[in-house]
Amino acid sequence: MGGICIILLQSLLVLFLTFSHPLTEKMQAENVPTTAITHILPFVASQRDQLRNYVTNLHELFDLNLYGELNISRLEIIEDAIPPKGILVMKEILESLGLYWGFIPGFKDSFAKPPNAPAEVSVSGSYIALQAEKLIEYLQPHENLKNLVINGYPGTQFPDWALPNLVAADFTNCRRSEYLPALGNLPLLKTLSLHGMDGVKKIGREFYGDGADIWFPSLEELSISDFANLEEWSSANDENAFYRLKKLTIKSCPKLAHIPLPQSLQHLELRDCNPTMMPMADLSFLSVLILENIRDLVSLPEGLFASASLSSLKILSCPKLHSMPLHMQNLSSLKSLTIHWCEELSSLPQSLHNLKGLESLEISDCHSLTSLPNCGIAGLVSLRTLSIENCSELTSLSSSLEQLTLLEHLTIMYCPKLGSFPAGVQHLSSLRSLIVLDCPCFDSLPEGLENVKTLHCLEMSSCPNLTALPEWFEDLDSLRFVTIHDCPNLKLLPPGFKLLIKLQHLSIQECLELEERCRRGSGEYWSKIAHVPHKYIGSPQVRQFGEASTVRLFHLSFNPTKFNFNFNTLYIHWPSTRIPILEASQFRKT
């Protein structure tokens, strides 16, 4: 029956089949023609005792009219039974090829080894490398190939394939390789990813190739990560290599001290690297710079802030960074500045006022920061988003806050020593949302807020000293969302609360007396809130669904040492397996 069905599917284009699947043997027994099949995703060998059948099936690639994408996994299974040479070299219309020693990421569970499968045979590393190098030569693709992935390759050197039409290449977890493949001569290569190559200590001429005046002439994106022993990167010629490179990512290369930085670079990410790798020269086209987990970084070089094109700067997890450059006037295009987890950063420079185009400023987990610079904040005339989170020593906001007339979103979270807002809040004429979370010293809403007619969203959470909402609360007639959580001493709503006719969502939780007064029907404040379409009053409720339970929580917030989370809505499912599955909507992590 299986053979008849396949024979009738003359238009079959895609066959997703493992070589341990019973249909494989059925197709062989029935002599089913497979010349019409154009995609096979992926090939998998699951047991050594099926090695003979696997190689036979791999041989049948000769007869398949393949185009599009072909992935072959578990290549370590057949290293001692090499398939026919040239099995792929005639596939002129095959566009993408993936060669995997091991499972394809994301498919492992689907092709798990059967419980009765024989144990793998242990062989020496040198034998595995030699067999892999021999096997990969037999899997050479046609020169028309556009995309290539080699994952888990255990050889020490790569094949010398001529692939002039290659556009994207990914080499991952080739940990025995001592040298990178020669790719500099590929005229069309645009994207290159190199990950997990512990054996490579130096990037040199072998990477660029011979016989060319320009290396990597079309390369736009280059990512290098997890090179634990890489110490040196010698460029063939800085002027003639990577001259079109736009995005460069270097991650987890702790021994690498220097990298070539072409002037064309627009996006640079340095993560978990040596601070000596920091760019010193002017990268005139650089627009995005991300520095993360550079643990020995103490200060930022002045030359880093010389790019007039820089629009986004993120400094993350640099625990020893204690200061920012004093001169930032050249960053005329900077729109976003993010500083997270810089525990020793004690101040921001007054030169912030030069950032006239800055639209977003986010600061979190800077536990030595005590205040914001008055003059520096005053100059941020384009600022639309200001977020200060988990700065445990911050005692005051800038008195120049009132000059941020374009500010739309203001968030203050986990700042236990911050007592109140500065005067002049009424001048924040564009403010749309105000969030104050876990600031125990806050005891009232800022004076002047009633004059902000643009305010749509107000949240006050975990503020135990907040005892009352002001009488002028009814003047906030543009409010659409109000959230009051974990303010146990807040017991009253102002008389004019019912005048907030635009209010669409009201959440009051962990405020026991206020919850009781807002109880549906019987609460004395019910008439004040009955007009609100969406009301969430009281503790989270548990709803039963057969064998599973669902808990719906609103604004579950907690503050571990390094991370802060805030869920607007969190669903936790306990199915019959007793393994919790979490789903979050509007999830915020800082």
Protein backbone atom coordinates (compact mmCIF):
# COMPACT_ATOMS: atom_id res chain seq x y z
CA MET A 1 0.00 0.00 0.00
CA GLY A 2 2.81 2.40 0.88
CA GLY A 3 4.48 1.81 -2.47
CA ILE A 4 1.26 2.44 -4.39
CA CYS A 5 0.65 5.69 -2.55
CA ILE A 6 4.11 7.03 -3.30
CA ILE A 7 3.95 6.00 -6.94
CA LEU A 8 0.71 7.92 -7.39
CA LEU A 9 2.22 11.09 -5.87
CA GLN A 10 3.91 12.13 -9.08
CA SER A 11 3.94 15.79 -8.06
CA LEU A 12 5.56 15.18 -4.68
CA LEU A 13 8.14 17.90 -4.12
CA VAL A 14 9.11 17.53 -0.46
CA LEU A 15 9.78 14.31 1.47
CA PHE A 16 10.56 14.57 5.19
CA LEU A 17 11.87 11.13 6.12
CA THR A 18 14.35 9.53 8.50
CA PHE A 19 16.32 6.54 7.35
CA SER A 20 14.98 4.53 10.25
CA HIS A 21 11.42 5.13 9.04
CA PRO A 22 9.65 1.92 7.84
CA LEU A 23 8.62 3.71 4.66
CA THR A 24 12.28 3.91 3.65
CA GLU A 25 12.61 0.13 3.43
CA LYS A 26 9.19 -0.08 1.75
CA MET A 27 10.28 2.34 -0.95
CA GLN A 28 13.44 0.32 -1.55
CA ALA A 29 11.54 -2.97 -1.69
CA GLU A 30 8.94 -1.56 -4.11
CA ASN A 31 11.60 0.14 -6.29
CA VAL A 32 9.69 3.39 -5.94
CA PRO A 33 10.96 6.06 -8.38
CA THR A 34 12.09 9.17 -6.52
CA THR A 35 13.36 11.29 -9.38
CA ALA A 36 10.52 13.78 -8.93
CA ILE A 37 11.36 14.55 -5.31
CA THR A 38 13.08 17.92 -5.18
CA HIS A 39 13.46 18.50 -1.40
CA ILE A 40 14.48 16.00 1.26
CA LEU A 41 14.64 17.64 4.70
CA PRO A 42 16.58 16.30 6.49
CA PHE A 43 18.51 13.07 5.95
CA VAL A 44 19.17 11.37 9.30
CA ALA A 45 20.94 8.13 10.21
CA SER A 46 19.93 6.94 13.66
CA GLN A 47 21.62 3.57 14.22
CA ARG A 48 24.87 1.96 13.18
CA ASP A 49 23.12 -1.30 12.41
CA GLN A 50 21.28 0.54 9.64
CA LEU A 51 24.52 1.89 8.20
CA ARG A 52 24.29 -0.14 5.00
CA ASN A 53 20.77 1.07 4.25
CA TYR A 54 21.79 4.64 5.02
CA VAL A 55 24.66 4.64 2.55
CA THR A 56 22.41 3.05 -0.05
CA ASN A 57 19.88 5.82 0.43
CA LEU A 58 22.58 8.47 0.29
CA HIS A 59 23.73 6.93 -2.98
CA GLU A 60 20.21 7.43 -4.34
CA LEU A 61 20.77 11.18 -4.19
CA PHE A 62 22.30 10.62 -7.64
CA ASP A 63 18.80 10.10 -9.03
CA LEU A 64 17.00 12.92 -7.24
CA ASN A 65 16.27 16.17 -9.02
CA LEU A 66 17.14 18.25 -5.96
CA TYR A 67 16.80 21.97 -5.64
CA GLY A 68 16.28 24.27 -2.72
CA GLU A 69 17.66 23.01 0.61
CA LEU A 70 19.25 19.71 1.62
CA ASN A 71 20.39 18.92 5.18
CA ILE A 72 22.28 15.73 6.03
CA SER A 73 22.78 14.94 9.72
CA ARG A 74 24.49 12.25 11.83
CA LEU A 75 27.36 12.10 9.36
CA GLU A 76 29.54 10.56 12.08
CA ILE A 77 27.52 7.38 11.58
CA ILE A 78 28.87 6.77 8.09
CA GLU A 79 32.46 7.89 8.41
CA ASP A 80 33.69 4.32 8.08
CA ALA A 81 31.55 3.66 4.97
CA ILE A 82 32.19 6.44 2.49
CA PRO A 83 29.47 7.11 -0.12
CA PRO A 84 30.27 7.49 -3.82
CA LYS A 85 32.37 10.52 -4.72
CA GLY A 86 30.63 13.37 -6.48
CA ILE A 87 27.23 12.50 -5.08
CA LEU A 88 26.25 16.18 -4.89
CA VAL A 89 28.56 17.87 -7.34
CA MET A 90 26.09 17.39 -10.21
CA LYS A 91 23.17 19.04 -8.37
CA GLU A 92 23.32 22.30 -10.30
CA ILE A 93 20.08 23.76 -8.91
CA LEU A 94 20.67 22.87 -5.25
CA GLU A 95 20.82 26.21 -3.43
CA SER A 96 21.47 25.31 0.23
CA LEU A 97 23.44 22.48 1.81
CA GLY A 98 23.79 21.62 5.50
CA LEU A 99 26.30 19.00 6.67
CA TYR A 100 25.88 18.03 10.31
CA TRP A 101 27.97 15.75 12.47
CA GLY A 102 25.34 15.13 15.11
CA PHE A 103 21.74 16.26 15.06
CA ILE A 104 20.34 19.32 13.37
CA PRO A 105 19.54 21.85 16.12
CA GLY A 106 15.84 21.71 16.83
CA PHE A 107 15.36 18.23 15.36
CA LYS A 108 17.07 16.09 17.98
CA ASP A 109 13.92 15.09 19.84
CA SER A 110 12.27 13.96 16.62
CA PHE A 111 15.07 11.55 15.78
CA ALA A 112 15.99 10.18 19.19
CA LYS A 113 17.88 6.91 19.31
CA PRO A 114 15.62 3.87 19.86
CA PRO A 115 15.95 2.26 23.32
CA ASN A 116 17.41 -0.98 21.90
CA ALA A 117 19.93 0.66 19.61
CA PRO A 118 23.51 -0.64 19.93
CA ALA A 119 26.11 1.48 21.68
CA GLU A 120 28.33 3.77 19.65
CA VAL A 121 31.81 2.43 18.96
CA SER A 122 34.57 4.47 20.58
CA VAL A 123 37.40 5.41 18.22
CA SER A 124 40.39 7.73 18.46
CA GLY A 125 40.15 11.42 17.71
CA SER A 126 42.74 11.27 14.93
CA TYR A 127 40.84 8.47 13.19
CA ILE A 128 37.59 10.43 13.41
CA ALA A 129 39.29 13.52 11.97
CA LEU A 130 40.80 11.63 9.04
CA GLN A 131 37.54 9.90 8.21
CA ALA A 132 35.62 13.18 8.42
CA GLU A 133 38.09 14.91 6.11
CA LYS A 134 37.73 12.07 3.62
CA LEU A 135 33.94 12.04 3.85
CA ILE A 136 33.49 15.77 3.35
CA GLU A 137 35.51 15.65 0.13
CA TYR A 138 32.97 13.17 -1.25
CA LEU A 139 30.12 15.54 -0.40
CA GLN A 140 31.40 18.46 -2.45
CA PRO A 141 28.47 20.48 -3.84
CA HIS A 142 28.10 22.08 -7.24
CA GLU A 143 29.70 25.48 -7.68
CA ASN A 144 26.23 27.06 -8.00
CA LEU A 145 25.58 26.55 -4.27
CA LYS A 146 24.48 29.74 -2.49
CA ASN A 147 24.21 28.72 1.18
CA LEU A 148 26.44 26.35 3.15
CA VAL A 149 26.29 25.14 6.76
CA ILE A 150 28.94 22.87 8.28
CA ASN A 151 28.16 21.94 11.88
CA GLY A 152 30.13 19.71 14.25
CA TYR A 153 32.77 18.81 11.66
CA PRO A 154 35.56 16.95 13.53
CA GLY A 155 38.29 17.34 10.92
CA THR A 156 41.38 19.49 11.43
CA GLN A 157 41.22 21.15 8.02
CA PHE A 158 38.49 22.16 5.62
CA PRO A 159 38.13 21.07 1.98
CA ASP A 160 39.28 23.39 -0.75
CA TRP A 161 36.02 23.79 -2.63
CA ALA A 162 35.46 26.26 -5.45
CA LEU A 163 32.11 27.92 -4.64
CA PRO A 164 32.13 31.23 -6.52
CA ASN A 165 28.36 31.73 -6.08
CA LEU A 166 28.27 31.25 -2.32
CA VAL A 167 26.32 34.04 -0.59
CA ALA A 168 26.09 32.80 3.04
CA ALA A 169 28.25 30.40 5.05
CA ASP A 170 28.04 29.10 8.61
CA PHE A 171 30.75 27.02 10.30
CA THR A 172 29.73 25.97 13.82
CA ASN A 173 31.36 23.73 16.46
CA CYS A 174 34.22 22.61 14.24
CA ARG A 175 36.33 22.38 17.37
CA ARG A 176 39.28 20.37 16.02
CA SER A 177 39.90 22.70 13.10
CA GLU A 178 43.18 24.53 13.49
CA TYR A 179 42.70 26.92 10.59
CA LEU A 180 39.75 28.70 9.07
CA PRO A 181 38.67 27.84 5.53
CA ALA A 182 39.96 30.07 2.75
CA LEU A 183 36.98 32.26 1.98
CA GLY A 184 38.45 35.64 1.08
CA ASN A 185 38.33 34.97 -2.66
CA LEU A 186 34.59 34.30 -2.80
CA PRO A 187 33.24 37.22 -4.83
CA LEU A 188 29.57 37.02 -3.73
CA LEU A 189 29.86 36.03 -0.05
CA LYS A 190 27.75 38.46 2.02
CA THR A 191 27.20 36.71 5.37
CA LEU A 192 29.73 34.63 7.29
CA SER A 193 29.30 33.03 10.74
CA LEU A 194 32.15 31.27 12.54
CA HIS A 195 31.33 29.73 15.94
CA GLY A 196 32.91 27.29 18.35
CA MET A 197 36.41 26.69 16.99
CA ASP A 198 38.65 25.96 19.97
CA GLY A 199 41.54 24.76 17.82
CA VAL A 200 42.07 28.06 16.00
CA LYS A 201 44.81 30.18 17.60
CA LYS A 202 45.47 32.58 14.74
CA ILE A 203 43.53 34.05 11.85
CA GLY A 204 46.04 34.67 9.10
CA ARG A 205 46.66 34.51 5.37
CA GLU A 206 44.96 31.12 5.04
CA PHE A 207 41.62 32.78 5.82
CA TYR A 208 42.00 35.36 3.05
CA GLY A 209 43.29 33.06 0.31
CA ASP A 210 45.77 33.72 -2.47
CA GLY A 211 45.70 35.38 -5.84
CA ALA A 212 43.37 38.29 -5.10
CA ASP A 213 43.84 42.02 -4.80
CA ILE A 214 40.68 42.47 -2.71
CA TRP A 215 39.57 40.04 -0.01
CA PHE A 216 35.95 39.50 0.97
CA PRO A 217 34.80 42.02 -1.65
CA SER A 218 31.06 41.53 -0.96
CA LEU A 219 31.03 40.54 2.73
CA GLU A 220 28.56 42.64 4.74
CA GLU A 221 28.07 40.64 7.97
CA LEU A 222 30.71 38.73 9.93
CA SER A 223 30.13 36.95 13.25
CA ILE A 224 32.90 35.25 15.23
CA SER A 225 32.13 33.65 18.60
CA ASP A 226 33.39 31.06 21.06
CA PHE A 227 37.03 31.01 19.92
CA ALA A 228 38.52 30.16 23.32
CA ASN A 229 42.16 30.06 22.14
CA LEU A 230 42.22 32.70 19.42
CA GLU A 231 45.10 35.08 20.17
CA GLU A 232 45.89 36.86 16.92
CA TRP A 233 44.07 38.19 13.89
CA SER A 234 46.48 39.45 11.28
CA SER A 235 44.78 41.24 8.42
CA ALA A 236 46.07 40.66 4.92
CA ASN A 237 45.77 44.35 4.15
CA ASP A 238 43.43 46.60 6.07
CA GLU A 239 42.64 48.69 3.02
CA ASN A 240 41.91 45.77 0.71
CA ALA A 241 39.94 43.49 3.05
CA PHE A 242 36.36 43.77 4.28
CA TYR A 243 35.90 47.10 2.57
CA ARG A 244 32.11 46.54 2.38
CA LEU A 245 31.68 45.05 5.86
CA LYS A 246 28.73 46.64 7.67
CA LYS A 247 28.15 44.44 10.73
CA LEU A 248 30.79 42.76 12.89
CA THR A 249 30.06 40.66 15.99
CA ILE A 250 32.85 39.31 18.21
CA LYS A 251 31.79 37.18 21.18
CA SER A 252 33.65 35.01 23.70
CA CYS A 253 37.13 35.49 22.31
CA PRO A 254 38.88 36.21 25.63
CA LYS A 255 42.48 36.02 24.37
CA LEU A 256 42.05 38.13 21.25
CA ALA A 257 43.53 41.59 21.75
CA HIS A 258 43.12 43.24 18.35
CA ILE A 259 40.68 43.09 15.45
CA PRO A 260 40.74 44.83 12.07
CA LEU A 261 38.03 47.48 11.88
CA PRO A 262 37.23 48.64 8.35
CA GLN A 263 35.98 52.19 7.91
CA SER A 264 32.79 50.88 6.28
CA LEU A 265 31.60 49.37 9.58
CA GLN A 266 28.10 50.44 10.67
CA HIS A 267 27.24 47.92 13.41
CA LEU A 268 29.78 46.61 15.96
CA GLU A 269 29.10 44.18 18.82
CA LEU A 270 31.81 43.17 21.30
CA ARG A 271 30.63 40.62 23.87
CA ASP A 272 32.69 38.80 26.50
CA CYS A 273 35.96 40.05 25.06
CA ASN A 274 39.26 41.60 26.05
CA PRO A 275 39.00 45.37 26.73
CA THR A 276 42.10 45.95 24.59
CA MET A 277 39.89 45.17 21.61
CA MET A 278 38.01 48.44 22.10
CA PRO A 279 38.01 50.57 18.94
CA MET A 280 40.22 53.63 19.28
CA ALA A 281 40.07 55.06 15.77
CA ASP A 282 37.24 57.10 14.31
CA LEU A 283 34.71 54.81 12.66
CA SER A 284 32.93 57.51 10.73
CA PHE A 285 30.03 55.31 9.55
CA LEU A 286 29.41 53.44 12.81
CA SER A 287 25.76 53.74 13.85
CA VAL A 288 25.29 50.90 16.39
CA LEU A 289 27.76 49.93 19.13
CA ILE A 290 27.07 47.21 21.71
CA LEU A 291 29.56 46.42 24.49
CA GLU A 292 28.55 43.51 26.72
CA ASN A 293 30.23 41.55 29.49
CA ILE A 294 33.63 43.17 29.09
CA ARG A 295 34.40 42.52 32.70
CA ASP A 296 37.78 44.27 32.96
CA LEU A 297 36.69 47.44 31.19
CA VAL A 298 37.39 50.38 33.52
CA SER A 299 36.82 53.35 31.24
CA LEU A 300 35.77 54.04 27.69
CA PRO A 301 38.31 55.55 25.28
CA GLU A 302 37.57 59.10 24.16
CA GLY A 303 38.01 58.07 20.52
CA LEU A 304 35.01 55.81 20.87
CA PHE A 305 32.79 58.88 21.05
CA ALA A 306 34.12 60.57 17.95
CA SER A 307 31.62 59.08 15.50
CA ALA A 308 29.03 61.61 14.41
CA SER A 309 26.99 58.74 12.90
CA LEU A 310 26.52 56.74 16.11
CA SER A 311 22.78 56.42 16.78
CA SER A 312 22.59 53.58 19.33
CA LEU A 313 24.97 52.79 22.19
CA LYS A 314 24.49 49.90 24.62
CA ILE A 315 26.86 49.22 27.52
CA LEU A 316 25.87 46.01 29.32
CA SER A 317 27.43 43.99 32.15
CA CYS A 318 30.67 45.92 32.52
CA PRO A 319 30.98 45.71 36.32
CA LYS A 320 34.27 47.63 36.63
CA LEU A 321 33.30 50.58 34.44
CA HIS A 322 33.37 53.59 36.74
CA SER A 323 32.99 56.55 34.41
CA MET A 324 31.85 57.75 31.03
CA PRO A 325 33.95 60.06 28.83
CA LEU A 326 33.70 63.71 29.79
CA HIS A 327 33.35 64.83 26.20
CA MET A 328 30.38 63.52 24.24
CA GLN A 329 29.68 66.52 22.04
CA ASN A 330 30.49 64.66 18.83
CA LEU A 331 27.61 62.21 19.28
CA SER A 332 25.18 64.48 17.52
CA SER A 333 23.23 61.56 15.99
CA LEU A 334 22.85 59.44 19.13
CA LYS A 335 19.20 58.50 19.67
CA SER A 336 19.41 55.63 22.16
CA LEU A 337 21.70 55.17 25.18
CA THR A 338 21.38 52.05 27.35
CA ILE A 339 23.52 51.32 30.42
CA HIS A 340 22.80 48.08 32.31
CA TRP A 341 24.66 46.23 35.08
CA CYS A 342 27.58 48.59 35.51
CA GLU A 343 27.83 48.33 39.28
CA GLU A 344 30.76 50.75 39.76
CA LEU A 345 29.44 53.53 37.54
CA SER A 346 29.00 56.36 40.03
CA SER A 347 27.98 59.26 37.81
CA LEU A 348 26.99 60.38 34.36
CA PRO A 349 28.88 63.26 32.76
CA GLN A 350 27.41 66.75 32.49
CA SER A 351 28.28 66.52 28.80
CA LEU A 352 25.08 64.54 28.35
CA HIS A 353 23.47 67.88 27.54
CA ASN A 354 25.23 67.76 24.17
CA LEU A 355 23.08 64.81 23.11
CA LYS A 356 20.40 66.98 21.56
CA GLY A 357 19.00 64.12 19.47
CA LEU A 358 18.78 61.51 22.24
CA GLU A 359 15.30 59.96 22.38
CA SER A 360 15.77 57.04 24.79
CA LEU A 361 17.84 56.78 27.99
CA GLU A 362 17.74 53.53 29.98
CA ILE A 363 19.79 52.99 33.13
CA SER A 364 19.52 49.90 35.31
CA ASP A 365 21.50 47.98 37.92
CA CYS A 366 24.03 50.76 38.43
CA HIS A 367 24.26 50.45 42.20
CA SER A 368 26.88 53.18 42.69
CA LEU A 369 24.85 55.84 40.90
CA THR A 370 23.48 58.37 43.40
CA SER A 371 21.99 61.08 41.20
CA LEU A 372 21.45 62.28 37.66
CA PRO A 373 23.37 65.34 36.43
CA ASN A 374 21.19 68.46 36.40
CA CYS A 375 22.85 70.19 33.46
CA GLY A 376 23.26 66.92 31.61
CA ILE A 377 19.56 66.08 31.78
CA ALA A 378 18.46 69.61 30.90
CA GLY A 379 19.99 69.37 27.45
CA LEU A 380 18.13 66.23 26.42
CA VAL A 381 15.50 68.21 24.59
CA SER A 382 14.47 65.31 22.31
CA LEU A 383 14.15 62.66 25.04
CA ARG A 384 10.96 60.59 24.80
CA THR A 385 11.74 57.60 27.04
CA LEU A 386 13.50 57.68 30.42
CA SER A 387 13.84 54.48 32.45
CA ILE A 388 15.70 54.21 35.76
CA GLU A 389 15.63 50.73 37.29
CA ASN A 390 17.31 48.95 40.19
CA CYS A 391 19.71 51.71 41.15
CA SER A 392 19.83 51.03 44.87
CA GLU A 393 21.80 54.16 45.86
CA LEU A 394 19.92 56.69 43.75
CA THR A 395 18.51 59.34 46.08
CA SER A 396 17.24 61.99 43.69
CA LEU A 397 16.22 62.66 40.14
CA SER A 398 17.52 65.65 38.26
CA SER A 399 15.89 68.97 39.08
CA SER A 400 16.05 69.64 35.35
CA LEU A 401 13.48 66.93 34.67
CA GLU A 402 10.88 69.62 33.99
CA GLN A 403 12.73 70.67 30.85
CA LEU A 404 12.03 67.36 29.12
CA THR A 405 8.93 68.66 27.40
CA LEU A 406 8.91 65.86 24.79
CA LEU A 407 9.17 63.06 27.37
CA GLU A 408 6.42 60.46 26.80
CA HIS A 409 7.38 57.50 29.00
CA LEU A 410 8.88 57.72 32.49
CA THR A 411 9.65 54.54 34.46
CA ILE A 412 11.17 54.39 37.95
CA MET A 413 11.62 50.87 39.38
CA TYR A 414 13.41 49.35 42.37
CA CYS A 415 15.03 52.53 43.66
CA PRO A 416 14.56 52.12 47.44
CA LYS A 417 16.22 55.42 48.43
CA LEU A 418 14.43 57.62 45.93
CA GLY A 419 11.92 59.70 47.89
CA SER A 420 10.04 62.02 45.58
CA PHE A 421 9.86 63.68 42.20
CA PRO A 422 11.46 67.08 41.71
CA ALA A 423 9.23 70.11 41.23
CA GLY A 424 8.00 71.04 37.79
CA VAL A 425 6.33 67.80 36.71
CA GLN A 426 3.52 69.90 35.24
CA HIS A 427 5.91 70.93 32.47
CA LEU A 428 6.12 67.35 31.16
CA SER A 429 3.48 68.28 28.65
CA SER A 430 3.93 65.17 26.46
CA LEU A 431 3.97 62.53 29.21
CA ARG A 432 1.82 59.51 28.31
CA SER A 433 2.88 56.89 30.87
CA LEU A 434 4.25 57.05 34.42
CA ILE A 435 5.32 53.85 36.19
CA VAL A 436 6.63 53.81 39.77
CA LEU A 437 7.42 50.32 41.02
CA ASP A 438 8.94 49.18 44.31
CA CYS A 439 10.01 52.58 45.58
CA PRO A 440 9.08 52.38 49.28
CA CYS A 441 9.93 56.02 50.01
CA PHE A 442 7.32 57.37 47.60
CA ASP A 443 4.33 58.58 49.60
CA SER A 444 2.36 60.61 47.07
CA LEU A 445 1.92 61.36 43.42
CA PRO A 446 4.08 64.25 42.23
CA GLU A 447 2.59 67.71 42.55
CA GLY A 448 1.69 69.24 39.22
CA LEU A 449 0.83 65.92 37.60
CA GLU A 450 -2.80 67.03 37.43
CA ASN A 451 -1.79 69.53 34.77
CA VAL A 452 -0.42 66.84 32.46
CA LYS A 453 -3.37 66.33 30.12
CA THR A 454 -1.64 63.71 27.96
CA LEU A 455 -1.24 61.04 30.66
CA HIS A 456 -2.81 57.74 29.52
CA CYS A 457 -1.16 55.16 31.79
CA LEU A 458 -0.41 55.34 35.52
CA GLU A 459 1.03 52.51 37.60
CA MET A 460 1.94 52.59 41.29
CA SER A 461 3.18 49.25 42.65
CA SER A 462 4.91 48.17 45.87
CA CYS A 463 4.84 51.63 47.42
CA PRO A 464 3.86 50.91 51.07
CA ASN A 465 4.03 54.58 52.12
CA LEU A 466 1.44 55.65 49.58
CA THR A 467 -1.64 56.32 51.72
CA ALA A 468 -3.95 58.33 49.48
CA LEU A 469 -4.61 59.51 45.98
CA PRO A 470 -4.88 63.30 45.77
CA GLU A 471 -8.19 65.12 45.43
CA TRP A 472 -7.10 66.40 42.03
CA PHE A 473 -6.88 62.83 40.67
CA GLU A 474 -10.11 63.45 38.74
CA ASP A 475 -8.26 66.06 36.69
CA LEU A 476 -6.27 63.28 35.01
CA ASP A 477 -9.14 62.95 32.57
CA SER A 478 -7.04 61.36 29.80
CA LEU A 479 -6.24 58.25 31.85
CA ARG A 480 -7.00 54.93 30.16
CA PHE A 481 -4.98 52.52 32.33
CA VAL A 482 -4.59 52.66 36.12
CA THR A 483 -2.71 49.99 38.06
CA ILE A 484 -2.41 49.98 41.86
CA HIS A 485 -0.62 46.95 43.27
CA ASP A 486 0.83 46.11 46.65
CA CYS A 487 0.12 49.47 48.24
CA PRO A 488 -1.37 48.11 51.49
CA ASN A 489 -1.83 51.50 53.14
CA LEU A 490 -3.79 52.96 50.26
CA LYS A 491 -7.38 52.63 51.44
CA LEU A 492 -9.36 55.38 49.75
CA LEU A 493 -10.31 56.51 46.28
CA PRO A 494 -10.92 60.23 45.75
CA PRO A 495 -14.55 61.33 45.27
CA GLY A 496 -14.06 62.30 41.63
CA PHE A 497 -12.72 58.93 40.51
CA LYS A 498 -15.99 58.22 38.70
CA LEU A 499 -15.33 61.25 36.49
CA LEU A 500 -12.50 59.42 34.73
CA ILE A 501 -14.81 58.49 31.87
CA LYS A 502 -11.97 57.50 29.47
CA LEU A 503 -10.60 54.91 31.88
CA GLN A 504 -10.63 51.46 30.20
CA HIS A 505 -8.55 49.27 32.51
CA LEU A 506 -8.36 49.35 36.31
CA SER A 507 -6.29 46.88 38.33
CA ILE A 508 -6.26 46.96 42.15
CA GLN A 509 -4.49 44.09 43.89
CA GLU A 510 -2.78 43.46 47.23
CA CYS A 511 -4.50 46.51 48.71
CA LEU A 512 -6.87 44.63 51.01
CA GLU A 513 -9.06 47.43 52.37
CA LEU A 514 -9.30 49.16 49.01
CA GLU A 515 -10.16 45.86 47.34
CA GLU A 516 -12.99 45.30 49.80
CA ARG A 517 -14.41 48.76 49.16
CA CYS A 518 -14.31 48.11 45.41
CA ARG A 519 -16.09 44.77 45.63
CA ARG A 520 -18.67 44.29 42.90
CA GLY A 521 -22.14 45.32 44.02
CA SER A 522 -21.53 45.57 47.77
CA GLY A 523 -18.42 47.75 47.97
CA GLU A 524 -18.92 51.41 48.84
CA TYR A 525 -16.66 52.41 45.93
CA TRP A 526 -18.37 50.19 43.37
CA SER A 527 -20.31 53.12 41.97
CA LYS A 528 -17.01 54.96 41.38
CA ILE A 529 -15.51 52.20 39.25
CA ALA A 530 -18.54 50.48 37.71
CA HIS A 531 -18.15 52.43 34.46
CA VAL A 532 -14.66 50.98 33.78
CA PRO A 533 -14.99 48.22 31.12
CA HIS A 534 -12.07 46.08 32.33
CA LYS A 535 -11.62 45.75 36.09
CA TYR A 536 -9.23 43.44 37.93
CA ILE A 537 -9.92 43.67 41.65
CA GLY A 538 -8.46 41.38 44.28
CA SER A 539 -6.02 38.51 44.39
CA PRO A 540 -5.26 36.29 41.39
CA GLN A 541 -7.75 33.53 40.79
CA VAL A 542 -7.18 29.88 39.96
CA ARG A 543 -9.38 28.38 37.28
CA GLN A 544 -9.72 24.61 36.86
CA PHE A 545 -9.56 22.97 33.43
CA GLY A 546 -9.84 19.21 33.87
CA GLU A 547 -6.47 17.87 34.96
CA ALA A 548 -4.72 21.19 34.47
CA SER A 549 -4.90 24.41 36.42
CA THR A 550 -4.23 27.91 35.19
CA VAL A 551 -3.21 30.77 37.45
CA ARG A 552 -3.62 34.26 36.06
CA LEU A 553 -1.49 36.88 37.75
CA PHE A 554 -1.31 40.58 37.06
CA HIS A 555 1.96 42.40 37.59
CA LEU A 556 3.92 39.67 39.28
CA SER A 557 7.15 41.48 40.08
CA PHE A 558 10.29 40.30 41.77
CA ASN A 559 13.81 41.57 42.08
CA PRO A 560 16.61 38.98 42.14
CA THR A 561 20.23 40.01 42.34
CA LYS A 562 20.84 40.54 38.64
CA PHE A 563 17.48 40.61 36.93
CA ASN A 564 14.18 42.40 37.30
CA PHE A 565 10.99 41.10 35.80
CA ASN A 566 7.57 42.59 35.42
CA PHE A 567 4.69 40.65 33.91
CA ASN A 568 1.57 42.48 32.85
CA THR A 569 -0.08 39.10 32.49
CA LEU A 570 1.40 35.74 33.39
CA TYR A 571 -0.19 32.37 32.76
CA ILE A 572 1.21 29.32 34.52
CA HIS A 573 -0.11 25.96 33.37
CA TRP A 574 0.31 22.79 35.36
CA PRO A 575 -0.62 19.95 32.99
CA SER A 576 -0.93 16.35 34.09
CA THR A 577 2.82 15.94 33.64
CA ARG A 578 3.30 18.37 36.56
CA ILE A 579 5.81 20.34 34.51
CA PRO A 580 4.92 24.05 34.63
CA ILE A 581 4.72 25.89 31.33
CA LEU A 582 4.93 29.67 31.47
CA GLU A 583 3.40 32.05 28.96
CA ALA A 584 3.81 35.78 29.38
CA SER A 585 2.24 38.64 27.50
CA GLN A 586 3.80 42.10 27.59
CA PHE A 587 6.84 40.70 29.35
CA ARG A 588 9.43 43.20 30.46
CA LYS A 589 12.95 42.21 31.49
CA THR A 590 15.71 44.57 32.52
